[in-house]
All heavy atoms as atom14 arrays in JSON, in Angstrom:
{
  "sequence": "PGRFYGIIGPNGCGKSTLLDLLCGHTEPERGSVSFNGRPLSAWGRKA",
  "atom14_mask": [
    [1, 1, 1, 1, 1, 1, 1, 0, 0, 0, 0, 0, 0, 0],
    [1, 1, 1, 1, 0, 0, 0, 0, 0, 0, 0, 0, 0, 0],
    [1, 1, 1, 1, 1, 1, 1, 1, 1, 1, 1, 0, 0, 0],
    [1, 1, 1, 1, 1, 1, 1, 1, 1, 1, 1, 0, 0, 0],
    [1, 1, 1, 1, 1, 1, 1, 1, 1, 1, 1, 1, 0, 0],
    [1, 1, 1, 1, 0, 0, 0, 0, 0, 0, 0, 0, 0, 0],
    [1, 1, 1, 1, 1, 1, 1, 1, 0, 0, 0, 0, 0, 0],
    [1, 1, 1, 1, 1, 1, 1, 1, 0, 0, 0, 0, 0, 0],
    [1, 1, 1, 1, 0, 0, 0, 0, 0, 0, 0, 0, 0, 0],
    [1, 1, 1, 1, 1, 1, 1, 0, 0, 0, 0, 0, 0, 0],
    [1, 1, 1, 1, 1, 1, 1, 1, 0, 0, 0, 0, 0, 0],
    [1, 1, 1, 1, 0, 0, 0, 0, 0, 0, 0, 0, 0, 0],
    [1, 1, 1, 1, 1, 1, 0, 0, 0, 0, 0, 0, 0, 0],
    [1, 1, 1, 1, 0, 0, 0, 0, 0, 0, 0, 0, 0, 0],
    [1, 1, 1, 1, 1, 1, 1, 1, 1, 0, 0, 0, 0, 0],
    [1, 1, 1, 1, 1, 1, 0, 0, 0, 0, 0, 0, 0, 0],
    [1, 1, 1, 1, 1, 1, 1, 0, 0, 0, 0, 0, 0, 0],
    [1, 1, 1, 1, 1, 1, 1, 1, 0, 0, 0, 0, 0, 0],
    [1, 1, 1, 1, 1, 1, 1, 1, 0, 0, 0, 0, 0, 0],
    [1, 1, 1, 1, 1, 1, 1, 1, 0, 0, 0, 0, 0, 0],
    [1, 1, 1, 1, 1, 1, 1, 1, 0, 0, 0, 0, 0, 0],
    [1, 1, 1, 1, 1, 1, 1, 1, 0, 0, 0, 0, 0, 0],
    [1, 1, 1, 1, 1, 1, 0, 0, 0, 0, 0, 0, 0, 0],
    [1, 1, 1, 1, 0, 0, 0, 0, 0, 0, 0, 0, 0, 0],
    [1, 1, 1, 1, 1, 1, 1, 1, 1, 1, 0, 0, 0, 0],
    [1, 1, 1, 1, 1, 1, 1, 0, 0, 0, 0, 0, 0, 0],
    [1, 1, 1, 1, 1, 1, 1, 1, 1, 0, 0, 0, 0, 0],
    [1, 1, 1, 1, 1, 1, 1, 0, 0, 0, 0, 0, 0, 0],
    [1, 1, 1, 1, 1, 1, 1, 1, 1, 0, 0, 0, 0, 0],
    [1, 1, 1, 1, 1, 1, 1, 1, 1, 1, 1, 0, 0, 0],
    [1, 1, 1, 1, 0, 0, 0, 0, 0, 0, 0, 0, 0, 0],
    [1, 1, 1, 1, 1, 1, 0, 0, 0, 0, 0, 0, 0, 0],
    [1, 1, 1, 1, 1, 1, 1, 0, 0, 0, 0, 0, 0, 0],
    [1, 1, 1, 1, 1, 1, 0, 0, 0, 0, 0, 0, 0, 0],
    [1, 1, 1, 1, 1, 1, 1, 1, 1, 1, 1, 0, 0, 0],
    [1, 1, 1, 1, 1, 1, 1, 1, 0, 0, 0, 0, 0, 0],
    [1, 1, 1, 1, 0, 0, 0, 0, 0, 0, 0, 0, 0, 0],
    [1, 1, 1, 1, 1, 1, 1, 1, 1, 1, 1, 0, 0, 0],
    [1, 1, 1, 1, 1, 1, 1, 0, 0, 0, 0, 0, 0, 0],
    [1, 1, 1, 1, 1, 1, 1, 1, 0, 0, 0, 0, 0, 0],
    [1, 1, 1, 1, 1, 1, 0, 0, 0, 0, 0, 0, 0, 0],
    [1, 1, 1, 1, 1, 0, 0, 0, 0, 0, 0, 0, 0, 0],
    [1, 1, 1, 1, 1, 1, 1, 1, 1, 1, 1, 1, 1, 1],
    [1, 1, 1, 1, 0, 0, 0, 0, 0, 0, 0, 0, 0, 0],
    [1, 1, 1, 1, 1, 1, 1, 1, 1, 1, 1, 0, 0, 0],
    [1, 1, 1, 1, 1, 1, 1, 1, 1, 0, 0, 0, 0, 0],
    [1, 1, 1, 1, 1, 0, 0, 0, 0, 0, 0, 0, 0, 0]
  ],
  "atom14_positions": [
    [[0.83, -1.21, -0.04], [-0.01, -0.03, -0.03], [0.86, 1.3, -0.01], [2.0, 1.29, 0.44], [-0.83, -0.11, 1.27], [-0.72, -1.56, 1.65], [0.57, -2.06, 1.14], [0.0, 0.0, 0.0], [0.0, 0.0, 0.0], [0.0, 0.0, 0.0], [0.0, 0.0, 0.0], [0.0, 0.0, 0.0], [0.0, 0.0, 0.0], [0.0, 0.0, 0.0]],
    [[0.3, 2.37, -0.56], [1.0, 3.62, -0.53], [2.12, 3.72, -1.47], [2.98, 4.61, -1.3], [0.0, 0.0, 0.0], [0.0, 0.0, 0.0], [0.0, 0.0, 0.0], [0.0, 0.0, 0.0], [0.0, 0.0, 0.0], [0.0, 0.0, 0.0], [0.0, 0.0, 0.0], [0.0, 0.0, 0.0], [0.0, 0.0, 0.0], [0.0, 0.0, 0.0]],
    [[2.12, 2.86, -2.56], [3.2, 2.97, -3.51], [2.66, 2.89, -4.97], [1.59, 2.35, -5.21], [4.16, 1.83, -3.36], [5.06, 1.95, -2.06], [6.03, 0.8, -1.94], [6.78, 0.94, -0.7], [7.65, -0.02, -0.27], [7.83, -1.11, -0.97], [8.42, 0.25, 0.85], [0.0, 0.0, 0.0], [0.0, 0.0, 0.0], [0.0, 0.0, 0.0]],
    [[3.32, 3.6, -5.83], [3.03, 3.67, -7.28], [4.06, 2.86, -7.97], [5.27, 3.24, -8.05], [3.05, 5.11, -7.74], [2.35, 5.35, -9.03], [1.56, 6.56, -9.29], [2.36, 4.42, -10.1], [0.98, 6.77, -10.44], [1.68, 4.66, -11.25], [1.01, 5.84, -11.49], [0.0, 0.0, 0.0], [0.0, 0.0, 0.0], [0.0, 0.0, 0.0]],
    [[3.66, 1.68, -8.54], [4.61, 0.78, -9.18], [4.46, 0.88, -10.71], [3.32, 0.95, -11.23], [4.34, -0.68, -8.82], [4.61, -1.01, -7.43], [3.61, -0.77, -6.36], [5.8, -1.54, -7.03], [3.89, -1.26, -5.04], [6.01, -1.93, -5.61], [5.02, -1.69, -4.7], [5.29, -2.02, -3.38], [0.0, 0.0, 0.0], [0.0, 0.0, 0.0]],
    [[5.62, 0.96, -11.42], [5.54, 0.86, -12.86], [6.22, -0.38, -13.34], [7.28, -0.83, -12.87], [0.0, 0.0, 0.0], [0.0, 0.0, 0.0], [0.0, 0.0, 0.0], [0.0, 0.0, 0.0], [0.0, 0.0, 0.0], [0.0, 0.0, 0.0], [0.0, 0.0, 0.0], [0.0, 0.0, 0.0], [0.0, 0.0, 0.0], [0.0, 0.0, 0.0]],
    [[5.49, -1.12, -14.21], [6.02, -2.35, -14.77], [6.43, -2.05, -16.21], [5.62, -1.59, -17.05], [4.96, -3.45, -14.77], [4.52, -3.82, -13.38], [5.54, -4.82, -15.35], [3.5, -4.89, -13.28], [0.0, 0.0, 0.0], [0.0, 0.0, 0.0], [0.0, 0.0, 0.0], [0.0, 0.0, 0.0], [0.0, 0.0, 0.0], [0.0, 0.0, 0.0]],
    [[7.74, -2.29, -16.5], [8.37, -1.83, -17.7], [9.08, -3.08, -18.4], [9.72, -3.83, -17.69], [9.29, -0.74, -17.53], [8.58, 0.59, -16.97], [10.12, -0.36, -18.82], [9.47, 1.64, -16.57], [0.0, 0.0, 0.0], [0.0, 0.0, 0.0], [0.0, 0.0, 0.0], [0.0, 0.0, 0.0], [0.0, 0.0, 0.0], [0.0, 0.0, 0.0]],
    [[8.97, -3.12, -19.67], [9.73, -4.19, -20.42], [9.35, -4.18, -21.86], [8.32, -3.52, -22.3], [0.0, 0.0, 0.0], [0.0, 0.0, 0.0], [0.0, 0.0, 0.0], [0.0, 0.0, 0.0], [0.0, 0.0, 0.0], [0.0, 0.0, 0.0], [0.0, 0.0, 0.0], [0.0, 0.0, 0.0], [0.0, 0.0, 0.0], [0.0, 0.0, 0.0]],
    [[10.04, -4.94, -22.69], [9.71, -4.99, -24.15], [8.39, -5.72, -24.39], [7.86, -6.38, -23.55], [10.92, -5.76, -24.71], [11.49, -6.53, -23.61], [11.25, -5.76, -22.35], [0.0, 0.0, 0.0], [0.0, 0.0, 0.0], [0.0, 0.0, 0.0], [0.0, 0.0, 0.0], [0.0, 0.0, 0.0], [0.0, 0.0, 0.0], [0.0, 0.0, 0.0]],
    [[7.95, -5.65, -25.62], [6.67, -6.29, -26.03], [6.82, -7.85, -25.83], [7.86, -8.44, -26.02], [6.41, -6.06, -27.52], [6.08, -4.6, -27.74], [5.58, -3.88, -26.88], [6.26, -4.2, -28.99], [0.0, 0.0, 0.0], [0.0, 0.0, 0.0], [0.0, 0.0, 0.0], [0.0, 0.0, 0.0], [0.0, 0.0, 0.0], [0.0, 0.0, 0.0]],
    [[5.72, -8.42, -25.25], [5.68, -9.89, -25.13], [6.45, -10.4, -23.99], [6.63, -11.6, -23.84], [0.0, 0.0, 0.0], [0.0, 0.0, 0.0], [0.0, 0.0, 0.0], [0.0, 0.0, 0.0], [0.0, 0.0, 0.0], [0.0, 0.0, 0.0], [0.0, 0.0, 0.0], [0.0, 0.0, 0.0], [0.0, 0.0, 0.0], [0.0, 0.0, 0.0]],
    [[6.88, -9.55, -23.02], [7.74, -10.04, -21.91], [6.89, -10.53, -20.72], [7.38, -11.08, -19.76], [8.68, -8.97, -21.43], [7.91, -7.56, -20.62], [0.0, 0.0, 0.0], [0.0, 0.0, 0.0], [0.0, 0.0, 0.0], [0.0, 0.0, 0.0], [0.0, 0.0, 0.0], [0.0, 0.0, 0.0], [0.0, 0.0, 0.0], [0.0, 0.0, 0.0]],
    [[5.46, -10.33, -20.81], [4.61, -10.85, -19.76], [3.93, -9.86, -18.84], [3.29, -10.13, -17.85], [0.0, 0.0, 0.0], [0.0, 0.0, 0.0], [0.0, 0.0, 0.0], [0.0, 0.0, 0.0], [0.0, 0.0, 0.0], [0.0, 0.0, 0.0], [0.0, 0.0, 0.0], [0.0, 0.0, 0.0], [0.0, 0.0, 0.0], [0.0, 0.0, 0.0]],
    [[4.1, -8.53, -19.16], [3.6, -7.51, -18.33], [2.13, -7.55, -18.13], [1.58, -7.54, -17.0], [3.98, -6.08, -18.87], [5.45, -5.85, -19.07], [5.72, -4.45, -19.59], [5.18, -4.11, -20.97], [5.72, -4.95, -22.1], [0.0, 0.0, 0.0], [0.0, 0.0, 0.0], [0.0, 0.0, 0.0], [0.0, 0.0, 0.0], [0.0, 0.0, 0.0]],
    [[1.32, -7.61, -19.27], [-0.13, -7.64, -19.18], [-0.58, -8.97, -18.53], [-1.58, -8.96, -17.8], [-0.73, -7.45, -20.61], [-0.49, -6.18, -21.1], [0.0, 0.0, 0.0], [0.0, 0.0, 0.0], [0.0, 0.0, 0.0], [0.0, 0.0, 0.0], [0.0, 0.0, 0.0], [0.0, 0.0, 0.0], [0.0, 0.0, 0.0], [0.0, 0.0, 0.0]],
    [[0.12, -10.08, -18.85], [-0.31, -11.33, -18.26], [-0.13, -11.28, -16.72], [-0.97, -11.79, -15.95], [0.62, -12.43, -18.82], [0.4, -12.52, -20.18], [0.25, -13.8, -18.2], [0.0, 0.0, 0.0], [0.0, 0.0, 0.0], [0.0, 0.0, 0.0], [0.0, 0.0, 0.0], [0.0, 0.0, 0.0], [0.0, 0.0, 0.0], [0.0, 0.0, 0.0]],
    [[0.93, -10.57, -16.23], [1.11, -10.5, -14.81], [-0.08, -9.73, -14.16], [-0.6, -10.08, -13.14], [2.37, -9.73, -14.52], [2.73, -9.48, -13.03], [2.74, -10.82, -12.22], [4.1, -8.76, -12.87], [0.0, 0.0, 0.0], [0.0, 0.0, 0.0], [0.0, 0.0, 0.0], [0.0, 0.0, 0.0], [0.0, 0.0, 0.0], [0.0, 0.0, 0.0]],
    [[-0.51, -8.61, -14.84], [-1.66, -7.89, -14.38], [-2.93, -8.78, -14.32], [-3.66, -8.68, -13.34], [-1.93, -6.62, -15.19], [-1.09, -5.35, -15.01], [-1.77, -4.21, -15.59], [-0.83, -5.14, -13.51], [0.0, 0.0, 0.0], [0.0, 0.0, 0.0], [0.0, 0.0, 0.0], [0.0, 0.0, 0.0], [0.0, 0.0, 0.0], [0.0, 0.0, 0.0]],
    [[-3.19, -9.57, -15.28], [-4.29, -10.42, -15.37], [-4.24, -11.45, -14.23], [-5.29, -11.79, -13.62], [-4.38, -11.17, -16.68], [-4.92, -10.29, -17.78], [-5.51, -9.32, -17.53], [-4.7, -10.66, -18.97], [0.0, 0.0, 0.0], [0.0, 0.0, 0.0], [0.0, 0.0, 0.0], [0.0, 0.0, 0.0], [0.0, 0.0, 0.0], [0.0, 0.0, 0.0]],
    [[-3.04, -11.95, -13.89], [-2.89, -12.84, -12.78], [-3.14, -12.12, -11.4], [-3.76, -12.7, -10.53], [-1.45, -13.47, -12.75], [-1.17, -14.45, -13.87], [0.28, -14.58, -14.1], [-1.83, -15.73, -13.6], [0.0, 0.0, 0.0], [0.0, 0.0, 0.0], [0.0, 0.0, 0.0], [0.0, 0.0, 0.0], [0.0, 0.0, 0.0], [0.0, 0.0, 0.0]],
    [[-2.76, -10.87, -11.37], [-2.88, -10.12, -10.12], [-4.3, -9.82, -9.81], [-4.71, -9.69, -8.62], [-2.13, -8.85, -10.13], [-0.51, -8.97, -10.1], [0.09, -7.57, -10.28], [-0.01, -9.67, -8.88], [0.0, 0.0, 0.0], [0.0, 0.0, 0.0], [0.0, 0.0, 0.0], [0.0, 0.0, 0.0], [0.0, 0.0, 0.0], [0.0, 0.0, 0.0]],
    [[-5.17, -9.66, -10.8], [-6.59, -9.31, -10.54], [-7.44, -10.54, -10.58], [-8.74, -10.36, -10.42], [-7.04, -8.23, -11.57], [-7.19, -8.77, -13.22], [0.0, 0.0, 0.0], [0.0, 0.0, 0.0], [0.0, 0.0, 0.0], [0.0, 0.0, 0.0], [0.0, 0.0, 0.0], [0.0, 0.0, 0.0], [0.0, 0.0, 0.0], [0.0, 0.0, 0.0]],
    [[-6.88, -11.69, -10.97], [-7.73, -12.92, -10.89], [-8.44, -13.2, -12.2], [-9.18, -14.21, -12.31], [0.0, 0.0, 0.0], [0.0, 0.0, 0.0], [0.0, 0.0, 0.0], [0.0, 0.0, 0.0], [0.0, 0.0, 0.0], [0.0, 0.0, 0.0], [0.0, 0.0, 0.0], [0.0, 0.0, 0.0], [0.0, 0.0, 0.0], [0.0, 0.0, 0.0]],
    [[-8.11, -12.44, -13.24], [-8.67, -12.8, -14.59], [-8.09, -14.01, -15.11], [-8.73, -14.74, -16.01], [-8.51, -11.6, -15.52], [-9.35, -10.45, -15.31], [-9.37, -9.3, -16.04], [-10.26, -10.19, -14.31], [-10.25, -8.43, -15.55], [-10.86, -8.98, -14.53], [0.0, 0.0, 0.0], [0.0, 0.0, 0.0], [0.0, 0.0, 0.0], [0.0, 0.0, 0.0]],
    [[-6.87, -14.31, -14.71], [-6.17, -15.56, -15.21], [-5.71, -16.27, -13.96], [-5.17, -15.62, -13.01], [-4.99, -15.19, -16.03], [-5.52, -14.52, -17.24], [-4.27, -16.44, -16.56], [0.0, 0.0, 0.0], [0.0, 0.0, 0.0], [0.0, 0.0, 0.0], [0.0, 0.0, 0.0], [0.0, 0.0, 0.0], [0.0, 0.0, 0.0], [0.0, 0.0, 0.0]],
    [[-5.79, -17.59, -13.88], [-5.25, -18.37, -12.8], [-3.96, -18.93, -13.1], [-3.73, -19.43, -14.17], [-6.3, -19.51, -12.48], [-7.58, -19.02, -11.84], [-8.42, -20.18, -11.39], [-7.97, -21.31, -11.39], [-9.63, -19.99, -11.15], [0.0, 0.0, 0.0], [0.0, 0.0, 0.0], [0.0, 0.0, 0.0], [0.0, 0.0, 0.0], [0.0, 0.0, 0.0]],
    [[-2.93, -18.78, -12.17], [-1.63, -19.29, -12.52], [-1.66, -20.88, -12.59], [-2.42, -21.53, -11.92], [-0.76, -18.87, -11.34], [-1.76, -18.64, -10.16], [-2.99, -18.17, -10.84], [0.0, 0.0, 0.0], [0.0, 0.0, 0.0], [0.0, 0.0, 0.0], [0.0, 0.0, 0.0], [0.0, 0.0, 0.0], [0.0, 0.0, 0.0], [0.0, 0.0, 0.0]],
    [[-0.83, -21.39, -13.5], [-0.71, -22.86, -13.61], [0.22, -23.38, -12.5], [0.12, -24.59, -12.23], [-0.19, -23.27, -15.05], [1.19, -22.75, -15.34], [1.52, -22.94, -16.87], [0.83, -22.43, -17.66], [2.38, -23.71, -17.05], [0.0, 0.0, 0.0], [0.0, 0.0, 0.0], [0.0, 0.0, 0.0], [0.0, 0.0, 0.0], [0.0, 0.0, 0.0]],
    [[1.05, -22.53, -12.04], [1.86, -22.84, -10.82], [2.05, -21.66, -10.03], [2.08, -20.52, -10.47], [3.29, -23.39, -11.36], [4.09, -23.99, -10.2], [5.36, -24.61, -10.76], [6.23, -23.63, -11.2], [6.94, -23.73, -12.3], [6.74, -24.71, -13.19], [7.78, -22.76, -12.71], [0.0, 0.0, 0.0], [0.0, 0.0, 0.0], [0.0, 0.0, 0.0]],
    [[2.28, -21.87, -8.75], [2.36, -20.74, -7.8], [1.0, -20.22, -7.36], [-0.02, -20.78, -7.66], [0.0, 0.0, 0.0], [0.0, 0.0, 0.0], [0.0, 0.0, 0.0], [0.0, 0.0, 0.0], [0.0, 0.0, 0.0], [0.0, 0.0, 0.0], [0.0, 0.0, 0.0], [0.0, 0.0, 0.0], [0.0, 0.0, 0.0], [0.0, 0.0, 0.0]],
    [[0.99, -19.13, -6.68], [-0.21, -18.56, -6.19], [-0.14, -17.03, -6.08], [0.93, -16.42, -6.01], [-0.46, -19.09, -4.71], [0.52, -18.7, -3.86], [0.0, 0.0, 0.0], [0.0, 0.0, 0.0], [0.0, 0.0, 0.0], [0.0, 0.0, 0.0], [0.0, 0.0, 0.0], [0.0, 0.0, 0.0], [0.0, 0.0, 0.0], [0.0, 0.0, 0.0]],
    [[-1.39, -16.42, -6.11], [-1.56, -14.97, -5.91], [-2.48, -14.79, -4.73], [-3.55, -15.37, -4.66], [-2.11, -14.31, -7.18], [-2.23, -12.78, -6.95], [-1.2, -14.56, -8.38], [0.0, 0.0, 0.0], [0.0, 0.0, 0.0], [0.0, 0.0, 0.0], [0.0, 0.0, 0.0], [0.0, 0.0, 0.0], [0.0, 0.0, 0.0], [0.0, 0.0, 0.0]],
    [[-2.08, -13.93, -3.76], [-2.89, -13.62, -2.61], [-3.13, -12.1, -2.46], [-2.31, -11.35, -2.86], [-2.27, -14.24, -1.4], [-1.05, -13.72, -1.17], [0.0, 0.0, 0.0], [0.0, 0.0, 0.0], [0.0, 0.0, 0.0], [0.0, 0.0, 0.0], [0.0, 0.0, 0.0], [0.0, 0.0, 0.0], [0.0, 0.0, 0.0], [0.0, 0.0, 0.0]],
    [[-4.25, -11.82, -1.85], [-4.56, -10.39, -1.55], [-4.92, -10.32, -0.07], [-5.77, -11.12, 0.38], [-5.76, -9.94, -2.34], [-6.1, -8.46, -2.08], [-5.3, -7.51, -2.5], [-7.27, -8.19, -1.35], [-5.69, -6.12, -2.23], [-7.65, -6.91, -1.12], [-6.82, -5.85, -1.53], [0.0, 0.0, 0.0], [0.0, 0.0, 0.0], [0.0, 0.0, 0.0]],
    [[-4.16, -9.53, 0.66], [-4.23, -9.35, 2.13], [-4.14, -10.7, 2.85], [-4.96, -11.03, 3.69], [-5.63, -8.69, 2.46], [-5.5, -7.19, 2.23], [-4.48, -6.65, 1.9], [-6.68, -6.57, 2.24], [0.0, 0.0, 0.0], [0.0, 0.0, 0.0], [0.0, 0.0, 0.0], [0.0, 0.0, 0.0], [0.0, 0.0, 0.0], [0.0, 0.0, 0.0]],
    [[-3.31, -11.54, 2.34], [-3.01, -12.81, 2.91], [-3.98, -13.96, 2.57], [-3.73, -15.09, 3.04], [0.0, 0.0, 0.0], [0.0, 0.0, 0.0], [0.0, 0.0, 0.0], [0.0, 0.0, 0.0], [0.0, 0.0, 0.0], [0.0, 0.0, 0.0], [0.0, 0.0, 0.0], [0.0, 0.0, 0.0], [0.0, 0.0, 0.0], [0.0, 0.0, 0.0]],
    [[-4.95, -13.73, 1.76], [-5.86, -14.76, 1.28], [-5.75, -14.97, -0.19], [-5.61, -14.11, -1.0], [-7.32, -14.37, 1.6], [-7.68, -14.29, 3.0], [-9.08, -13.66, 3.2], [-10.08, -14.47, 2.49], [-11.3, -14.02, 2.17], [-11.67, -12.75, 2.44], [-12.19, -14.76, 1.57], [0.0, 0.0, 0.0], [0.0, 0.0, 0.0], [0.0, 0.0, 0.0]],
    [[-5.73, -16.31, -0.63], [-5.57, -16.58, -2.05], [-6.77, -15.85, -2.82], [-7.87, -15.81, -2.35], [-5.71, -18.09, -2.17], [-5.38, -18.59, -0.82], [-5.79, -17.52, 0.2], [0.0, 0.0, 0.0], [0.0, 0.0, 0.0], [0.0, 0.0, 0.0], [0.0, 0.0, 0.0], [0.0, 0.0, 0.0], [0.0, 0.0, 0.0], [0.0, 0.0, 0.0]],
    [[-6.43, -15.42, -4.09], [-7.56, -14.79, -4.84], [-8.75, -15.67, -5.0], [-9.87, -15.23, -5.08], [-6.98, -14.38, -6.17], [-5.95, -13.25, -6.29], [-5.79, -12.79, -7.72], [-6.42, -12.05, -5.39], [0.0, 0.0, 0.0], [0.0, 0.0, 0.0], [0.0, 0.0, 0.0], [0.0, 0.0, 0.0], [0.0, 0.0, 0.0], [0.0, 0.0, 0.0]],
    [[-8.46, -16.97, -5.09], [-9.54, -17.98, -5.26], [-10.46, -18.03, -4.12], [-11.67, -18.52, -4.15], [-8.96, -19.37, -5.59], [-8.11, -19.79, -4.49], [0.0, 0.0, 0.0], [0.0, 0.0, 0.0], [0.0, 0.0, 0.0], [0.0, 0.0, 0.0], [0.0, 0.0, 0.0], [0.0, 0.0, 0.0], [0.0, 0.0, 0.0], [0.0, 0.0, 0.0]],
    [[-10.05, -17.51, -2.95], [-10.86, -17.56, -1.74], [-11.79, -16.33, -1.61], [-12.66, -16.27, -0.81], [-9.97, -17.6, -0.51], [0.0, 0.0, 0.0], [0.0, 0.0, 0.0], [0.0, 0.0, 0.0], [0.0, 0.0, 0.0], [0.0, 0.0, 0.0], [0.0, 0.0, 0.0], [0.0, 0.0, 0.0], [0.0, 0.0, 0.0], [0.0, 0.0, 0.0]],
    [[-11.54, -15.38, -2.56], [-12.41, -14.16, -2.58], [-13.51, -14.37, -3.57], [-13.31, -14.85, -4.67], [-11.58, -12.99, -3.0], [-10.52, -12.47, -2.08], [-9.27, -13.06, -1.88], [-10.62, -11.39, -1.13], [-8.56, -12.39, -0.86], [-9.38, -11.32, -0.48], [-11.58, -10.48, -0.8], [-9.13, -10.39, 0.54], [-11.27, -9.53, 0.11], [-10.08, -9.51, 0.8]],
    [[-14.68, -13.98, -3.26], [-15.8, -13.98, -4.2], [-15.54, -12.88, -5.29], [-14.79, -11.91, -4.94], [0.0, 0.0, 0.0], [0.0, 0.0, 0.0], [0.0, 0.0, 0.0], [0.0, 0.0, 0.0], [0.0, 0.0, 0.0], [0.0, 0.0, 0.0], [0.0, 0.0, 0.0], [0.0, 0.0, 0.0], [0.0, 0.0, 0.0], [0.0, 0.0, 0.0]],
    [[-16.14, -13.1, -6.36], [-15.89, -12.09, -7.41], [-16.31, -10.63, -7.06], [-15.59, -9.77, -7.38], [-16.65, -12.46, -8.75], [-16.26, -13.85, -9.28], [-14.77, -13.92, -9.6], [-14.34, -12.91, -10.59], [-13.02, -12.82, -10.96], [-12.09, -13.67, -10.49], [-12.71, -11.92, -11.83], [0.0, 0.0, 0.0], [0.0, 0.0, 0.0], [0.0, 0.0, 0.0]],
    [[-17.42, -10.53, -6.38], [-17.85, -9.23, -6.01], [-17.01, -8.61, -4.95], [-16.6, -7.38, -4.98], [-19.31, -9.24, -5.48], [-20.06, -7.94, -5.44], [-21.5, -8.18, -5.22], [-22.29, -6.86, -5.21], [-23.76, -7.16, -5.1], [0.0, 0.0, 0.0], [0.0, 0.0, 0.0], [0.0, 0.0, 0.0], [0.0, 0.0, 0.0], [0.0, 0.0, 0.0]],
    [[-16.56, -9.41, -3.94], [-15.64, -8.82, -2.89], [-14.31, -8.43, -3.54], [-13.7, -7.5, -3.17], [-15.38, -9.96, -1.81], [0.0, 0.0, 0.0], [0.0, 0.0, 0.0], [0.0, 0.0, 0.0], [0.0, 0.0, 0.0], [0.0, 0.0, 0.0], [0.0, 0.0, 0.0], [0.0, 0.0, 0.0], [0.0, 0.0, 0.0], [0.0, 0.0, 0.0]]
  ]
}
């Protein structure tokens, strides 16, 4: 919290895919993404 992050890199390096993983639009095939200590899969879509 309280930070402005910039993700930078050449075309096709995975920047947009990383955003999709962070917001839950895409589920990782390996590893996990959590928000406030809870896996994204544990959050309802509305929450």
